Amino acid sequence: MAHDLEKIDDAALALLAALTFEAGRAWKGHDFGVLNRLFQKGYIQDPMGKAKTVWLTPEGIRHGEEVADRLFGSSRSD
């Protein structure tokens, strides 16, 4: 089955955004192809290198939080 790479990229970005620390830093334990596409789209800084974390750009944080709210947002009314 073919998978929609846009949806995969959005889901990965949503996870990165939902789990950020230090105002936009996230662990980069995702597929390198996905990280490279997110970098090409301007959502994260260059993922190449030995660091185990990556910085989200302001646009990456904004879009990632939107997708995270849609995918992972609570439907509870607490």
PDB file of N, CA and C in Angstrom:
ATOM      1  N   MET A   1       0.843  -1.175   0.000  1.00  0.00           N
ATOM      2  CA  MET A   1       0.000   0.000   0.000  1.00  0.00           C
ATOM      3  C   MET A   1       0.891   1.241   0.000  1.00  0.00           C
ATOM      4  N   ALA A   2       0.546   2.194  -0.820  1.00  0.00           N
ATOM      5  CA  ALA A   2       1.268   3.465  -0.862  1.00  0.00           C
ATOM      6  C   ALA A   2       0.779   4.357   0.273  1.00  0.00           C
ATOM      7  N   HIS A   3       1.703   5.072   0.862  1.00  0.00           N
ATOM      8  CA  HIS A   3       1.359   5.982   1.949  1.00  0.00           C
ATOM      9  C   HIS A   3       1.512   7.422   1.485  1.00  0.00           C
ATOM     10  N   ASP A   4       0.702   8.283   2.027  1.00  0.00           N
ATOM     11  CA  ASP A   4       0.729   9.709   1.704  1.00  0.00           C
ATOM     12  C   ASP A   4       1.865  10.365   2.497  1.00  0.00           C
ATOM     13  N   LEU A   5       2.942  10.740   1.806  1.00  0.00           N
ATOM     14  CA  LEU A   5       4.103  11.315   2.488  1.00  0.00           C
ATOM     15  C   LEU A   5       3.779  12.632   3.177  1.00  0.00           C
ATOM     16  N   GLU A   6       2.836  13.396   2.648  1.00  0.00           N
ATOM     17  CA  GLU A   6       2.434  14.650   3.304  1.00  0.00           C
ATOM     18  C   GLU A   6       1.833  14.363   4.679  1.00  0.00           C
ATOM     19  N   LYS A   7       1.001  13.328   4.759  1.00  0.00           N
ATOM     20  CA  LYS A   7       0.393  12.969   6.047  1.00  0.00           C
ATOM     21  C   LYS A   7       1.447  12.440   7.010  1.00  0.00           C
ATOM     22  N   ILE A   8       2.397  11.670   6.492  1.00  0.00           N
ATOM     23  CA  ILE A   8       3.483  11.168   7.335  1.00  0.00           C
ATOM     24  C   ILE A   8       4.312  12.336   7.864  1.00  0.00           C
ATOM     25  N   ASP A   9       4.653  13.275   6.982  1.00  0.00           N
ATOM     26  CA  ASP A   9       5.429  14.446   7.404  1.00  0.00           C
ATOM     27  C   ASP A   9       4.670  15.260   8.444  1.00  0.00           C
ATOM     28  N   ASP A  10       3.373  15.458   8.227  1.00  0.00           N
ATOM     29  CA  ASP A  10       2.562  16.209   9.194  1.00  0.00           C
ATOM     30  C   ASP A  10       2.522  15.501  10.544  1.00  0.00           C
ATOM     31  N   ALA A  11       2.362  14.176  10.530  1.00  0.00           N
ATOM     32  CA  ALA A  11       2.307  13.428  11.790  1.00  0.00           C
ATOM     33  C   ALA A  11       3.644  13.514  12.527  1.00  0.00           C
ATOM     34  N   ALA A  12       4.753  13.385  11.802  1.00  0.00           N
ATOM     35  CA  ALA A  12       6.073  13.483  12.431  1.00  0.00           C
ATOM     36  C   ALA A  12       6.294  14.886  12.997  1.00  0.00           C
ATOM     37  N   LEU A  13       5.921  15.907  12.233  1.00  0.00           N
ATOM     38  CA  LEU A  13       6.065  17.284  12.718  1.00  0.00           C
ATOM     39  C   LEU A  13       5.182  17.517  13.940  1.00  0.00           C
ATOM     40  N   ALA A  14       3.984  16.957  13.939  1.00  0.00           N
ATOM     41  CA  ALA A  14       3.085  17.092  15.090  1.00  0.00           C
ATOM     42  C   ALA A  14       3.715  16.473  16.333  1.00  0.00           C
ATOM     43  N   LEU A  15       4.335  15.308  16.184  1.00  0.00           N
ATOM     44  CA  LEU A  15       5.009  14.676  17.322  1.00  0.00           C
ATOM     45  C   LEU A  15       6.180  15.531  17.800  1.00  0.00           C
ATOM     46  N   LEU A  16       6.974  16.029  16.870  1.00  0.00           N
ATOM     47  CA  LEU A  16       8.093  16.899  17.257  1.00  0.00           C
ATOM     48  C   LEU A  16       7.583  18.123  18.015  1.00  0.00           C
ATOM     49  N   ALA A  17       6.533  18.762  17.495  1.00  0.00           N
ATOM     50  CA  ALA A  17       5.999  19.977  18.121  1.00  0.00           C
ATOM     51  C   ALA A  17       5.360  19.684  19.474  1.00  0.00           C
ATOM     52  N   ALA A  18       4.668  18.556  19.576  1.00  0.00           N
ATOM     53  CA  ALA A  18       3.988  18.216  20.830  1.00  0.00           C
ATOM     54  C   ALA A  18       4.977  17.874  21.940  1.00  0.00           C
ATOM     55  N   LEU A  19       6.174  17.453  21.567  1.00  0.00           N
ATOM     56  CA  LEU A  19       7.145  16.997  22.556  1.00  0.00           C
ATOM     57  C   LEU A  19       8.385  17.888  22.621  1.00  0.00           C
ATOM     58  N   THR A  20       8.242  19.163  22.262  1.00  0.00           N
ATOM     59  CA  THR A  20       9.392  20.071  22.290  1.00  0.00           C
ATOM     60  C   THR A  20       9.775  20.438  23.717  1.00  0.00           C
ATOM     61  N   PHE A  21      11.008  20.847  23.844  1.00  0.00           N
ATOM     62  CA  PHE A  21      11.516  21.399  25.099  1.00  0.00           C
ATOM     63  C   PHE A  21      12.465  22.530  24.726  1.00  0.00           C
ATOM     64  N   GLU A  22      12.814  23.362  25.669  1.00  0.00           N
ATOM     65  CA  GLU A  22      13.694  24.509  25.429  1.00  0.00           C
ATOM     66  C   GLU A  22      13.199  25.367  24.262  1.00  0.00           C
ATOM     67  N   ALA A  23      11.920  25.606  24.212  1.00  0.00           N
ATOM     68  CA  ALA A  23      11.308  26.513  23.230  1.00  0.00           C
ATOM     69  C   ALA A  23      11.603  26.144  21.780  1.00  0.00           C
ATOM     70  N   GLY A  24      11.344  24.897  21.428  1.00  0.00           N
ATOM     71  CA  GLY A  24      11.445  24.505  20.029  1.00  0.00           C
ATOM     72  C   GLY A  24      12.450  23.423  19.713  1.00  0.00           C
ATOM     73  N   ARG A  25      13.025  22.825  20.707  1.00  0.00           N
ATOM     74  CA  ARG A  25      13.996  21.751  20.500  1.00  0.00           C
ATOM     75  C   ARG A  25      13.285  20.422  20.705  1.00  0.00           C
ATOM     76  N   ALA A  26      13.598  19.424  19.856  1.00  0.00           N
ATOM     77  CA  ALA A  26      12.941  18.119  19.964  1.00  0.00           C
ATOM     78  C   ALA A  26      13.934  17.008  19.636  1.00  0.00           C
ATOM     79  N   TRP A  27      13.694  15.843  20.201  1.00  0.00           N
ATOM     80  CA  TRP A  27      14.498  14.671  19.876  1.00  0.00           C
ATOM     81  C   TRP A  27      14.206  14.278  18.440  1.00  0.00           C
ATOM     82  N   LYS A  28      15.236  13.946  17.688  1.00  0.00           N
ATOM     83  CA  LYS A  28      15.042  13.675  16.262  1.00  0.00           C
ATOM     84  C   LYS A  28      15.050  12.184  15.929  1.00  0.00           C
ATOM     85  N   GLY A  29      14.410  11.378  16.718  1.00  0.00           N
ATOM     86  CA  GLY A  29      14.363   9.939  16.493  1.00  0.00           C
ATOM     87  C   GLY A  29      13.333   9.533  15.455  1.00  0.00           C
ATOM     88  N   HIS A  30      13.365  10.172  14.305  1.00  0.00           N
ATOM     89  CA  HIS A  30      12.435   9.859  13.215  1.00  0.00           C
ATOM     90  C   HIS A  30      13.243   9.492  11.976  1.00  0.00           C
ATOM     91  N   ASP A  31      12.587   8.930  11.003  1.00  0.00           N
ATOM     92  CA  ASP A  31      13.208   8.552   9.741  1.00  0.00           C
ATOM     93  C   ASP A  31      13.941   9.749   9.131  1.00  0.00           C
ATOM     94  N   PHE A  32      15.157   9.516   8.632  1.00  0.00           N
ATOM     95  CA  PHE A  32      15.948  10.614   8.065  1.00  0.00           C
ATOM     96  C   PHE A  32      15.287  11.221   6.837  1.00  0.00           C
ATOM     97  N   GLY A  33      14.588  10.411   6.048  1.00  0.00           N
ATOM     98  CA  GLY A  33      13.876  10.945   4.887  1.00  0.00           C
ATOM     99  C   GLY A  33      12.808  11.939   5.299  1.00  0.00           C
ATOM    100  N   VAL A  34      12.086  11.615   6.364  1.00  0.00           N
ATOM    101  CA  VAL A  34      11.055  12.521   6.880  1.00  0.00           C
ATOM    102  C   VAL A  34      11.702  13.804   7.385  1.00  0.00           C
ATOM    103  N   LEU A  35      12.766  13.676   8.166  1.00  0.00           N
ATOM    104  CA  LEU A  35      13.442  14.867   8.694  1.00  0.00           C
ATOM    105  C   LEU A  35      13.985  15.736   7.564  1.00  0.00           C
ATOM    106  N   ASN A  36      14.532  15.121   6.539  1.00  0.00           N
ATOM    107  CA  ASN A  36      15.037  15.903   5.405  1.00  0.00           C
ATOM    108  C   ASN A  36      13.911  16.646   4.698  1.00  0.00           C
ATOM    109  N   ARG A  37      12.754  16.004   4.527  1.00  0.00           N
ATOM    110  CA  ARG A  37      11.623  16.695   3.896  1.00  0.00           C
ATOM    111  C   ARG A  37      11.141  17.852   4.762  1.00  0.00           C
ATOM    112  N   LEU A  38      11.095  17.654   6.089  1.00  0.00           N
ATOM    113  CA  LEU A  38      10.678  18.741   6.983  1.00  0.00           C
ATOM    114  C   LEU A  38      11.667  19.901   6.907  1.00  0.00           C
ATOM    115  N   PHE A  39      12.948  19.594   6.781  1.00  0.00           N
ATOM    116  CA  PHE A  39      13.967  20.638   6.619  1.00  0.00           C
ATOM    117  C   PHE A  39      13.759  21.381   5.302  1.00  0.00           C
ATOM    118  N   GLN A  40      13.517  20.650   4.226  1.00  0.00           N
ATOM    119  CA  GLN A  40      13.300  21.278   2.918  1.00  0.00           C
ATOM    120  C   GLN A  40      12.061  22.170   2.918  1.00  0.00           C
ATOM    121  N   LYS A  41      11.069  21.827   3.732  1.00  0.00           N
ATOM    122  CA  LYS A  41       9.851  22.636   3.828  1.00  0.00           C
ATOM    123  C   LYS A  41      10.029  23.832   4.762  1.00  0.00           C
ATOM    124  N   GLY A  42      11.162  23.901   5.465  1.00  0.00           N
ATOM    125  CA  GLY A  42      11.426  25.020   6.359  1.00  0.00           C
ATOM    126  C   GLY A  42      10.842  24.855   7.751  1.00  0.00           C
ATOM    127  N   TYR A  43      10.460  23.634   8.125  1.00  0.00           N
ATOM    128  CA  TYR A  43       9.846  23.404   9.431  1.00  0.00           C
ATOM    129  C   TYR A  43      10.858  23.107  10.534  1.00  0.00           C
ATOM    130  N   ILE A  44      12.039  22.606  10.153  1.00  0.00           N
ATOM    131  CA  ILE A  44      13.089  22.332  11.135  1.00  0.00           C
ATOM    132  C   ILE A  44      14.413  22.838  10.584  1.00  0.00           C
ATOM    133  N   GLN A  45      15.363  23.049  11.495  1.00  0.00           N
ATOM    134  CA  GLN A  45      16.711  23.391  11.054  1.00  0.00           C
ATOM    135  C   GLN A  45      17.384  22.121  10.550  1.00  0.00           C
ATOM    136  N   ASP A  46      18.523  22.269   9.902  1.00  0.00           N
ATOM    137  CA  ASP A  46      19.213  21.146   9.272  1.00  0.00           C
ATOM    138  C   ASP A  46      19.409  19.996  10.266  1.00  0.00           C
ATOM    139  N   PRO A  47      18.848  18.813   9.966  1.00  0.00           N
ATOM    140  CA  PRO A  47      18.927  17.692  10.895  1.00  0.00           C
ATOM    141  C   PRO A  47      20.241  16.919  10.816  1.00  0.00           C
ATOM    142  N   MET A  48      21.106  17.251   9.863  1.00  0.00           N
ATOM    143  CA  MET A  48      22.365  16.523   9.717  1.00  0.00           C
ATOM    144  C   MET A  48      23.296  16.862  10.873  1.00  0.00           C
ATOM    145  N   GLY A  49      24.093  15.915  11.246  1.00  0.00           N
ATOM    146  CA  GLY A  49      25.045  16.126  12.323  1.00  0.00           C
ATOM    147  C   GLY A  49      24.859  15.096  13.420  1.00  0.00           C
ATOM    148  N   LYS A  50      25.713  15.176  14.406  1.00  0.00           N
ATOM    149  CA  LYS A  50      25.718  14.186  15.480  1.00  0.00           C
ATOM    150  C   LYS A  50      24.715  14.473  16.588  1.00  0.00           C
ATOM    151  N   ALA A  51      24.192  15.688  16.633  1.00  0.00           N
ATOM    152  CA  ALA A  51      23.239  16.038  17.696  1.00  0.00           C
ATOM    153  C   ALA A  51      22.017  15.130  17.614  1.00  0.00           C
ATOM    154  N   LYS A  52      21.489  14.780  18.754  1.00  0.00           N
ATOM    155  CA  LYS A  52      20.305  13.915  18.797  1.00  0.00           C
ATOM    156  C   LYS A  52      19.010  14.711  18.871  1.00  0.00           C
ATOM    157  N   THR A  53      19.159  16.023  18.780  1.00  0.00           N
ATOM    158  CA  THR A  53      17.987  16.895  18.801  1.00  0.00           C
ATOM    159  C   THR A  53      17.991  17.769  17.557  1.00  0.00           C
ATOM    160  N   VAL A  54      16.841  18.355  17.294  1.00  0.00           N
ATOM    161  CA  VAL A  54      16.687  19.260  16.166  1.00  0.00           C
ATOM    162  C   VAL A  54      15.852  20.441  16.641  1.00  0.00           C
ATOM    163  N   TRP A  55      16.086  21.612  16.047  1.00  0.00           N
ATOM    164  CA  TRP A  55      15.316  22.806  16.384  1.00  0.00           C
ATOM    165  C   TRP A  55      14.203  22.994  15.376  1.00  0.00           C
ATOM    166  N   LEU A  56      12.999  23.235  15.850  1.00  0.00           N
ATOM    167  CA  LEU A  56      11.897  23.586  14.968  1.00  0.00           C
ATOM    168  C   LEU A  56      11.971  25.080  14.679  1.00  0.00           C
ATOM    169  N   THR A  57      11.623  25.455  13.466  1.00  0.00           N
ATOM    170  CA  THR A  57      11.550  26.871  13.108  1.00  0.00           C
ATOM    171  C   THR A  57      10.235  27.428  13.657  1.00  0.00           C
ATOM    172  N   PRO A  58      10.086  28.743  13.719  1.00  0.00           N
ATOM    173  CA  PRO A  58       8.796  29.296  14.161  1.00  0.00           C
ATOM    174  C   PRO A  58       7.621  28.766  13.329  1.00  0.00           C
ATOM    175  N   GLU A  59       7.818  28.657  12.012  1.00  0.00           N
ATOM    176  CA  GLU A  59       6.761  28.109  11.152  1.00  0.00           C
ATOM    177  C   GLU A  59       6.513  26.633  11.469  1.00  0.00           C
ATOM    178  N   GLY A  60       7.585  25.896  11.767  1.00  0.00           N
ATOM    179  CA  GLY A  60       7.446  24.490  12.128  1.00  0.00           C
ATOM    180  C   GLY A  60       6.679  24.312  13.428  1.00  0.00           C
ATOM    181  N   ILE A  61       6.949  25.170  14.398  1.00  0.00           N
ATOM    182  CA  ILE A  61       6.221  25.108  15.667  1.00  0.00           C
ATOM    183  C   ILE A  61       4.742  25.409  15.432  1.00  0.00           C
ATOM    184  N   ARG A  62       4.464  26.472  14.668  1.00  0.00           N
ATOM    185  CA  ARG A  62       3.073  26.856  14.411  1.00  0.00           C
ATOM    186  C   ARG A  62       2.317  25.739  13.691  1.00  0.00           C
ATOM    187  N   HIS A  63       2.866  25.257  12.589  1.00  0.00           N
ATOM    188  CA  HIS A  63       2.177  24.219  11.818  1.00  0.00           C
ATOM    189  C   HIS A  63       2.109  22.916  12.615  1.00  0.00           C
ATOM    190  N   GLY A  64       3.190  22.569  13.291  1.00  0.00           N
ATOM    191  CA  GLY A  64       3.211  21.343  14.085  1.00  0.00           C
ATOM    192  C   GLY A  64       2.186  21.354  15.202  1.00  0.00           C
ATOM    193  N   GLU A  65       2.028  22.497  15.873  1.00  0.00           N
ATOM    194  CA  GLU A  65       1.027  22.595  16.941  1.00  0.00           C
ATOM    195  C   GLU A  65      -0.387  22.504  16.382  1.00  0.00           C
ATOM    196  N   GLU A  66      -0.621  23.100  15.208  1.00  0.00           N
ATOM    197  CA  GLU A  66      -1.944  22.984  14.570  1.00  0.00           C
ATOM    198  C   GLU A  66      -2.288  21.526  14.289  1.00  0.00           C
ATOM    199  N   VAL A  67      -1.342  20.818  13.695  1.00  0.00           N
ATOM    200  CA  VAL A  67      -1.579  19.413  13.349  1.00  0.00           C
ATOM    201  C   VAL A  67      -1.694  18.573  14.618  1.00  0.00           C
ATOM    202  N   ALA A  68      -0.853  18.852  15.625  1.00  0.00           N
ATOM    203  CA  ALA A  68      -0.917  18.110  16.884  1.00  0.00           C
ATOM    204  C   ALA A  68      -2.271  18.296  17.555  1.00  0.00           C
ATOM    205  N   ASP A  69      -2.796  19.521  17.538  1.00  0.00           N
ATOM    206  CA  ASP A  69      -4.121  19.761  18.117  1.00  0.00           C
ATOM    207  C   ASP A  69      -5.180  18.950  17.385  1.00  0.00           C
ATOM    208  N   ARG A  70      -5.064  18.907  16.061  1.00  0.00           N
ATOM    209  CA  ARG A  70      -6.039  18.164  15.264  1.00  0.00           C
ATOM    210  C   ARG A  70      -5.917  16.652  15.496  1.00  0.00           C
ATOM    211  N   LEU A  71      -4.689  16.145  15.535  1.00  0.00           N
ATOM    212  CA  LEU A  71      -4.489  14.702  15.663  1.00  0.00           C
ATOM    213  C   LEU A  71      -4.566  14.198  17.099  1.00  0.00           C
ATOM    214  N   PHE A  72      -4.037  14.979  18.028  1.00  0.00           N
ATOM    215  CA  PHE A  72      -3.880  14.496  19.399  1.00  0.00           C
ATOM    216  C   PHE A  72      -4.691  15.268  20.426  1.00  0.00           C
ATOM    217  N   GLY A  73      -5.416  16.292  20.009  1.00  0.00           N
ATOM    218  CA  GLY A  73      -6.169  17.120  20.948  1.00  0.00           C
ATOM    219  C   GLY A  73      -7.222  16.316  21.688  1.00  0.00           C
ATOM    220  N   SER A  74      -7.423  16.681  22.906  1.00  0.00           N
ATOM    221  CA  SER A  74      -8.408  16.000  23.739  1.00  0.00           C
ATOM    222  C   SER A  74      -9.815  16.432  23.352  1.00  0.00           C
ATOM    223  N   SER A  75     -10.704  15.489  23.293  1.00  0.00           N
ATOM    224  CA  SER A  75     -12.109  15.815  23.019  1.00  0.00           C
ATOM    225  C   SER A  75     -12.878  16.018  24.316  1.00  0.00           C
ATOM    226  N   ARG A  76     -12.170  15.877  25.446  1.00  0.00           N
ATOM    227  CA  ARG A  76     -12.813  16.078  26.746  1.00  0.00           C
ATOM    228  C   ARG A  76     -13.021  17.559  26.987  1.00  0.00           C
ATOM    229  N   SER A  77     -14.015  17.889  27.770  1.00  0.00           N
ATOM    230  CA  SER A  77     -14.318  19.300  28.052  1.00  0.00           C
ATOM    231  C   SER A  77     -13.966  19.663  29.487  1.00  0.00           C
ATOM    232  N   ASP A  78     -12.799  19.199  29.971  1.00  0.00           N
ATOM    233  CA  ASP A  78     -12.362  19.516  31.344  1.00  0.00           C
ATOM    234  C   ASP A  78     -11.966  20.957  31.450  1.00  0.00           C
TER     235      ASP A  78
END
